[in-house]
């Protein structure tokens, strides 16, 4: 009679012969303890198949301009200044006994200032990277949570170069913004010359063949 592989459950056909097709829902025998059965002589386990995961592109490697840290610090300072009235007025306008929280509001504000001006800019600087490849734009960003965005070049609709007042104040720094149907993405705080080069490179790669 036909014998199935040792890991397949045997099933009998109408002619009394043993079939090698596993029973539905079971590709190999499982022992009473819930573990995959092993070969009684060799101790081998059944062969397994798996689907290899898709290969991710290499990590982006290009850095932003050094002035990015200064701009992020100024942004954090502005954010902390916007909530400064809370500790300033908290202990004065709150009725007793809630006015006792005044010192704690100052502690919370100082912690916020330290994180936004000292910690976050350094984390952003270490983790912000980008790459412009022939078929995609690869961006890695984030402070406490790192996000990686890979935008296919064929999805890019148009590219802008932007320069705000703070960027003008700290030096020749600009932001590259590129748009797709899904929304806007950007590479912030590049040196002006580098921003122009990146913009031209993206425009070149997004041109249709008949436009070249």
Protein backbone atom coordinates (compact mmCIF):
# COMPACT_ATOMS: atom_id res chain seq x y z
CA UNK A 1 0.00 0.00 0.00
CA UNK A 2 1.01 3.65 -0.42
CA UNK A 3 2.51 5.11 2.74
CA UNK A 4 2.37 8.84 3.52
CA UNK A 5 5.35 10.75 4.92
CA UNK A 6 5.69 10.14 8.63
CA UNK A 7 4.49 13.66 9.53
CA UNK A 8 1.21 13.43 7.55
CA UNK A 9 -1.86 11.86 9.15
CA UNK A 10 -2.83 8.71 7.28
CA UNK A 11 -6.26 8.54 5.70
CA UNK A 12 -7.84 5.53 4.10
CA UNK A 13 -9.61 5.65 0.74
CA UNK A 14 -12.59 3.71 -0.43
CA UNK A 15 -10.27 1.08 -1.93
CA UNK A 16 -8.63 0.45 1.43
CA UNK A 17 -5.34 2.04 0.41
CA UNK A 18 -3.57 4.61 2.56
CA UNK A 19 -3.48 8.10 1.10
CA UNK A 20 -0.68 10.62 1.58
CA UNK A 21 -2.93 13.70 1.51
CA UNK A 22 -3.13 15.33 4.95
CA UNK A 23 -6.49 15.70 6.59
CA UNK A 24 -8.10 19.16 6.32
CA UNK A 25 -6.62 21.57 8.82
CA UNK A 26 -3.74 19.26 9.76
CA UNK A 27 -0.46 19.14 7.84
CA UNK A 28 1.40 16.95 10.33
CA UNK A 29 0.82 14.95 13.46
CA UNK A 30 0.67 16.70 16.82
CA UNK A 31 1.43 14.78 20.00
CA UNK A 32 -0.76 14.57 23.05
CA UNK A 33 1.23 17.38 24.69
CA UNK A 34 0.38 19.78 21.85
CA UNK A 35 3.88 19.72 20.34
CA UNK A 36 4.77 18.81 16.79
CA UNK A 37 5.50 15.11 16.56
CA UNK A 38 9.06 14.02 15.85
CA UNK A 39 10.27 11.08 13.83
CA UNK A 40 10.39 8.02 16.10
CA UNK A 41 13.84 7.02 14.82
CA UNK A 42 15.68 10.24 13.89
CA UNK A 43 13.94 12.81 16.08
CA UNK A 44 13.45 15.13 13.07
CA UNK A 45 10.54 17.55 12.99
CA UNK A 46 8.36 18.00 9.89
CA UNK A 47 9.63 20.37 7.19
CA UNK A 48 8.10 23.85 7.29
CA UNK A 49 7.59 26.41 4.59
CA UNK A 50 7.59 30.18 5.04
CA UNK A 51 7.29 33.27 2.90
CA UNK A 52 10.36 35.50 3.04
CA UNK A 53 9.53 39.10 4.05
CA UNK A 54 9.97 41.81 1.44
CA UNK A 55 13.38 43.44 1.65
CA UNK A 56 13.31 46.97 3.06
CA UNK A 57 15.51 49.62 1.43
CA UNK A 58 18.73 50.51 3.20
CA UNK A 59 18.45 53.10 5.94
CA UNK A 60 18.54 56.70 4.66
CA UNK A 61 21.90 58.34 5.36
CA UNK A 62 21.78 62.06 4.43
CA UNK A 63 21.66 64.60 7.28
CA UNK A 64 19.95 67.96 7.61
CA UNK A 65 21.82 71.24 7.97
CA UNK A 66 23.47 71.82 11.39
CA UNK A 67 21.21 74.85 11.88
CA UNK A 68 18.28 72.43 12.27
CA UNK A 69 19.11 71.97 15.97
CA UNK A 70 18.98 75.72 16.54
CA UNK A 71 15.64 75.99 14.74
CA UNK A 72 14.14 73.15 16.76
CA UNK A 73 15.38 74.78 19.99
CA UNK A 74 13.78 78.08 19.02
CA UNK A 75 10.55 76.26 18.19
CA UNK A 76 10.61 74.51 21.58
CA UNK A 77 11.33 77.78 23.34
CA UNK A 78 8.36 79.38 21.63
CA UNK A 79 6.11 76.50 22.62
CA UNK A 80 7.24 76.74 26.27
CA UNK A 81 6.76 80.51 26.25
CA UNK A 82 3.19 80.08 25.02
CA UNK A 83 2.25 78.20 28.22
CA UNK A 84 4.28 80.44 30.57
CA UNK A 85 1.11 82.25 31.78
CA UNK A 86 -0.02 79.02 33.41
CA UNK A 87 2.64 78.98 36.16
CA UNK A 88 2.73 82.80 36.28
CA UNK A 89 -0.97 83.17 37.04
CA UNK A 90 -1.83 79.73 38.35
CA UNK A 91 -0.91 80.43 41.97
CA UNK A 92 -2.58 83.86 41.92
CA UNK A 93 -5.96 83.31 40.34
CA UNK A 94 -6.76 79.92 41.83
CA UNK A 95 -8.77 79.99 45.06
CA UNK A 96 -7.55 78.36 48.24
CA UNK A 97 -6.49 75.60 48.68
CA UNK A 98 -5.83 75.16 44.94
CA UNK A 99 -3.34 78.03 44.95
CA UNK A 100 -0.89 75.66 46.63
CA UNK A 101 -0.24 74.03 43.23
CA UNK A 102 1.64 77.16 42.07
CA UNK A 103 5.17 75.80 42.77
CA UNK A 104 4.31 72.51 41.06
CA UNK A 105 3.20 74.39 37.96
CA UNK A 106 6.64 76.02 37.82
CA UNK A 107 8.34 72.63 38.16
CA UNK A 108 6.20 71.24 35.33
CA UNK A 109 7.00 74.25 33.14
CA UNK A 110 10.75 73.94 33.74
CA UNK A 111 10.61 70.24 32.86
CA UNK A 112 8.73 71.09 29.66
CA UNK A 113 11.35 73.73 28.81
CA UNK A 114 14.21 71.28 29.39
CA UNK A 115 12.62 68.58 27.22
CA UNK A 116 11.55 70.84 24.36
CA UNK A 117 14.75 72.89 24.20
CA UNK A 118 17.37 70.39 25.36
CA UNK A 119 16.23 66.83 24.65
CA UNK A 120 13.93 66.90 21.64
CA UNK A 121 16.23 68.86 19.27
CA UNK A 122 19.10 66.43 19.91
CA UNK A 123 16.90 63.37 19.32
CA UNK A 124 15.51 64.88 16.13
CA UNK A 125 19.01 65.70 14.90
CA UNK A 126 20.26 62.17 15.50
CA UNK A 127 17.30 60.44 13.88
CA UNK A 128 16.33 62.69 10.96
CA UNK A 129 17.73 61.20 7.75
CA UNK A 130 16.69 61.19 4.12
CA UNK A 131 17.68 59.77 0.75
CA UNK A 132 16.68 60.61 -2.82
CA UNK A 133 16.81 57.48 -4.94
CA UNK A 134 15.93 56.93 -8.59
CA UNK A 135 12.53 55.44 -7.76
CA UNK A 136 11.68 56.73 -4.26
CA UNK A 137 12.17 59.33 -1.54
CA UNK A 138 13.10 57.76 1.80
CA UNK A 139 12.57 59.73 5.02
CA UNK A 140 13.21 58.74 8.63
CA UNK A 141 12.13 61.17 11.35
CA UNK A 142 10.92 61.44 14.92
CA UNK A 143 12.10 62.15 18.45
CA UNK A 144 10.57 59.59 20.79
CA UNK A 145 8.75 57.65 18.06
CA UNK A 146 10.67 57.10 14.82
CA UNK A 147 8.64 57.09 11.59
CA UNK A 148 9.94 55.96 8.23
CA UNK A 149 8.19 57.10 5.06
CA UNK A 150 9.05 55.81 1.59
CA UNK A 151 7.34 57.76 -1.19
CA UNK A 152 7.47 56.29 -4.73
CA UNK A 153 8.85 58.87 -7.11
CA UNK A 154 6.00 58.29 -9.57
CA UNK A 155 3.52 59.56 -6.93
CA UNK A 156 5.16 62.97 -6.55
CA UNK A 157 3.06 65.68 -8.21
CA UNK A 158 5.03 68.84 -7.51
CA UNK A 159 7.88 70.16 -5.36
CA UNK A 160 8.23 73.45 -3.49
CA UNK A 161 11.13 75.23 -1.81
CA UNK A 162 10.09 77.16 1.30
CA UNK A 163 12.05 79.54 3.53
CA UNK A 164 10.56 81.02 6.69
CA UNK A 165 11.70 84.00 8.75
CA UNK A 166 13.43 81.85 11.37
CA UNK A 167 15.31 79.98 8.65
CA UNK A 168 16.47 83.31 7.25
CA UNK A 169 17.49 84.46 10.72
CA UNK A 170 19.75 81.52 11.56
CA UNK A 171 21.34 81.22 8.12
CA UNK A 172 20.73 80.07 4.57
CA UNK A 173 18.31 77.23 5.32
CA UNK A 174 15.26 76.08 3.36
CA UNK A 175 12.63 73.33 3.42
CA UNK A 176 11.74 71.03 0.52
CA UNK A 177 8.03 70.21 0.39
CA UNK A 178 6.73 67.63 -2.07
CA UNK A 179 3.10 66.72 -2.62
CA UNK A 180 1.33 63.52 -3.60
CA UNK A 181 -2.34 62.63 -3.88
CA UNK A 182 -2.17 61.45 -0.25
CA UNK A 183 -0.87 64.77 1.06
CA UNK A 184 2.27 66.74 1.82
CA UNK A 185 5.69 65.54 2.93
CA UNK A 186 8.78 67.61 3.61
CA UNK A 187 12.50 67.55 4.20
CA UNK A 188 13.11 70.50 6.54
CA UNK A 189 16.14 72.66 7.29
CA UNK A 190 18.49 71.95 4.41
CA UNK A 191 21.23 74.34 3.38
CA UNK A 192 19.87 76.54 0.60
CA UNK A 193 22.24 75.16 -2.02
CA UNK A 194 21.47 71.58 -0.97
CA UNK A 195 17.72 72.31 -1.02
CA UNK A 196 18.00 73.56 -4.61
CA UNK A 197 19.94 70.45 -5.59
CA UNK A 198 17.39 68.14 -3.96
CA UNK A 199 14.50 69.99 -5.60
CA UNK A 200 16.06 69.78 -9.05
CA UNK A 201 16.87 66.10 -8.55
CA UNK A 202 13.28 65.26 -7.61
CA UNK A 203 11.94 67.26 -10.54
CA UNK A 204 14.29 65.43 -12.88
CA UNK A 205 13.25 62.00 -11.59
CA UNK A 206 9.52 62.77 -11.76
CA UNK A 207 9.54 63.92 -15.39
CA UNK A 208 7.66 61.71 -17.82
CA UNK A 209 9.81 60.02 -20.51
CA UNK A 210 8.35 62.25 -23.23
CA UNK A 211 9.38 65.34 -21.25
CA UNK A 212 13.07 64.41 -21.13
